[in-house]
C-alpha atoms as a PDB file:
ATOM      1  CA  MET A   1      14.787  22.150 -17.661  1.00  0.00           C
ATOM      2  CA  ASN A   2      13.727  18.512 -17.354  1.00  0.00           C
ATOM      3  CA  THR A   3      10.477  17.328 -15.843  1.00  0.00           C
ATOM      4  CA  TYR A   4      10.631  14.115 -13.831  1.00  0.00           C
ATOM      5  CA  ILE A   5       8.286  11.916 -11.868  1.00  0.00           C
ATOM      6  CA  ILE A   6       9.419   9.991  -8.823  1.00  0.00           C
ATOM      7  CA  THR A   7       7.280   7.016  -7.850  1.00  0.00           C
ATOM      8  CA  TYR A   8       8.110   5.386  -4.548  1.00  0.00           C
ATOM      9  CA  SER A   9       7.156   2.726  -2.020  1.00  0.00           C
ATOM     10  CA  ASP A  10       5.637   3.549   1.354  1.00  0.00           C
ATOM     11  CA  LYS A  11       8.908   2.500   3.006  1.00  0.00           C
ATOM     12  CA  LEU A  12      10.715   5.465   1.436  1.00  0.00           C
ATOM     13  CA  GLY A  13       8.590   7.872   3.472  1.00  0.00           C
ATOM     14  CA  THR A  14       5.326   9.758   3.547  1.00  0.00           C
ATOM     15  CA  GLN A  15       4.496  12.141   0.752  1.00  0.00           C
ATOM     16  CA  GLU A  16       5.353  15.038   3.031  1.00  0.00           C
ATOM     17  CA  GLN A  17       8.741  13.492   3.938  1.00  0.00           C
ATOM     18  CA  VAL A  18       9.655  12.881   0.291  1.00  0.00           C
ATOM     19  CA  ALA A  19       8.470  16.379  -0.684  1.00  0.00           C
ATOM     20  CA  ASP A  20      10.562  17.853   2.126  1.00  0.00           C
ATOM     21  CA  VAL A  21      13.666  16.088   0.801  1.00  0.00           C
ATOM     22  CA  LEU A  22      12.986  17.332  -2.741  1.00  0.00           C
ATOM     23  CA  ASP A  23      12.410  20.827  -1.385  1.00  0.00           C
ATOM     24  CA  ASN A  24      15.865  20.760   0.219  1.00  0.00           C
ATOM     25  CA  ILE A  25      17.761  19.662  -2.898  1.00  0.00           C
ATOM     26  CA  SER A  26      18.882  22.945  -4.439  1.00  0.00           C
ATOM     27  CA  ASP A  27      19.075  21.364  -7.911  1.00  0.00           C
ATOM     28  CA  ILE A  28      15.291  20.800  -7.880  1.00  0.00           C
ATOM     29  CA  THR A  29      13.615  24.050  -8.861  1.00  0.00           C
ATOM     30  CA  ASP A  30       9.947  23.140  -8.439  1.00  0.00           C
ATOM     31  CA  TRP A  31       7.760  20.194  -7.503  1.00  0.00           C
ATOM     32  CA  ARG A  32       4.127  19.269  -6.946  1.00  0.00           C
ATOM     33  CA  TYR A  33       1.926  16.265  -6.392  1.00  0.00           C
ATOM     34  CA  ASP A  34      -1.686  15.258  -6.903  1.00  0.00           C
ATOM     35  CA  MET A  35      -1.549  11.471  -6.403  1.00  0.00           C
ATOM     36  CA  GLN A  36      -0.215   9.215  -3.664  1.00  0.00           C
ATOM     37  CA  ASN A  37       3.367   7.948  -3.908  1.00  0.00           C
ATOM     38  CA  CYS A  38       4.409  10.093  -6.864  1.00  0.00           C
ATOM     39  CA  ILE A  39       5.753  13.610  -7.161  1.00  0.00           C
ATOM     40  CA  TYR A  40       6.482  15.622 -10.313  1.00  0.00           C
ATOM     41  CA  PHE A  41       9.542  17.848 -10.219  1.00  0.00           C
ATOM     42  CA  LYS A  42      11.906  19.977 -12.334  1.00  0.00           C
ATOM     43  CA  SER A  43      15.688  19.818 -12.484  1.00  0.00           C
ATOM     44  CA  GLU A  44      18.611  20.165 -14.879  1.00  0.00           C
ATOM     45  CA  LYS A  45      20.364  17.214 -13.214  1.00  0.00           C
ATOM     46  CA  THR A  46      20.249  13.566 -14.305  1.00  0.00           C
ATOM     47  CA  PRO A  47      18.073  10.898 -12.672  1.00  0.00           C
ATOM     48  CA  ASP A  48      21.265   9.170 -11.470  1.00  0.00           C
ATOM     49  CA  TYR A  49      22.480  12.300  -9.676  1.00  0.00           C
ATOM     50  CA  LEU A  50      19.055  12.996  -8.167  1.00  0.00           C
ATOM     51  CA  ALA A  51      18.542   9.394  -7.034  1.00  0.00           C
ATOM     52  CA  LYS A  52      21.839   9.493  -5.149  1.00  0.00           C
ATOM     53  CA  LYS A  53      20.851  12.756  -3.445  1.00  0.00           C
ATOM     54  CA  ILE A  54      17.478  11.333  -2.424  1.00  0.00           C
ATOM     55  CA  ARG A  55      18.983   8.057  -1.197  1.00  0.00           C
ATOM     56  CA  THR A  56      21.336   9.891   1.172  1.00  0.00           C
ATOM     57  CA  LYS A  57      18.310  11.445   2.907  1.00  0.00           C
ATOM     58  CA  LEU A  58      15.870   8.520   2.587  1.00  0.00           C
ATOM     59  CA  PRO A  59      17.930   5.321   2.863  1.00  0.00           C
ATOM     60  CA  LYS A  60      15.044   2.809   2.923  1.00  0.00           C
ATOM     61  CA  GLY A  61      12.397   1.925   0.379  1.00  0.00           C
ATOM     62  CA  LYS A  62      12.220   1.737  -3.389  1.00  0.00           C
ATOM     63  CA  PHE A  63      11.771   4.486  -5.947  1.00  0.00           C
ATOM     64  CA  ILE A  64      12.189   5.250  -9.617  1.00  0.00           C
ATOM     65  CA  ILE A  65      12.790   8.591 -11.308  1.00  0.00           C
ATOM     66  CA  VAL A  66      11.644   8.942 -14.927  1.00  0.00           C
ATOM     67  CA  GLU A  67      11.854  11.937 -17.270  1.00  0.00           C
ATOM     68  CA  ILE A  68       8.386  12.854 -18.544  1.00  0.00           C
ATOM     69  CA  GLY A  69       8.946  16.247 -20.198  1.00  0.00           C
ATOM     70  CA  ASN A  70       7.753  17.705 -23.493  1.00  0.00           C
ATOM     71  CA  ASN A  71       9.349  15.352 -26.010  1.00  0.00           C
ATOM     72  CA  LYS A  72       8.592  12.096 -24.215  1.00  0.00           C
ATOM     73  CA  MET A  73       5.833   9.680 -25.100  1.00  0.00           C
ATOM     74  CA  ARG A  74       3.339   9.693 -22.255  1.00  0.00           C
ATOM     75  CA  ASN A  75      -0.382   9.952 -21.719  1.00  0.00           C
ATOM     76  CA  GLY A  76      -2.861   9.715 -18.899  1.00  0.00           C
ATOM     77  CA  TYR A  77      -5.640  11.495 -17.087  1.00  0.00           C
ATOM     78  CA  LEU A  78      -4.404  14.430 -15.032  1.00  0.00           C
ATOM     79  CA  ASP A  79      -5.769  17.848 -14.199  1.00  0.00           C
ATOM     80  CA  PRO A  80      -4.968  20.475 -16.857  1.00  0.00           C
ATOM     81  CA  ASP A  81      -2.695  22.411 -14.470  1.00  0.00           C
ATOM     82  CA  MET A  82      -0.578  19.273 -13.954  1.00  0.00           C
ATOM     83  CA  TRP A  83      -0.155  18.867 -17.716  1.00  0.00           C
ATOM     84  CA  ASP A  84       0.854  22.536 -17.885  1.00  0.00           C
ATOM     85  CA  PHE A  85       3.492  21.890 -15.191  1.00  0.00           C
ATOM     86  CA  ILE A  86       4.799  18.812 -17.048  1.00  0.00           C
ATOM     87  CA  ASN A  87       4.985  20.614 -20.388  1.00  0.00           C
ATOM     88  CA  SER A  88       6.496  23.887 -19.164  1.00  0.00           C
ATOM     89  CA  ASN A  89      10.213  24.608 -19.092  1.00  0.00           C
END
């Protein structure tokens, strides 16, 4: 299972609208957020596949999907439960 982060512009939608789209993509198994304009989520699919699915539901605005799972170089200041989510399979 891959862990991704989607970061997006306000034009894409509200956090609730973007979360609703992610919630309705069956290939996304879990998601959560704790900051504005970014959502962490889990999927076996590629960023390319997921971006196309999201774009069909949210046709305006910019976004980027980046894998941030266990073997990726990343650091920052998040709550411990968010790091647990990122590092879990």
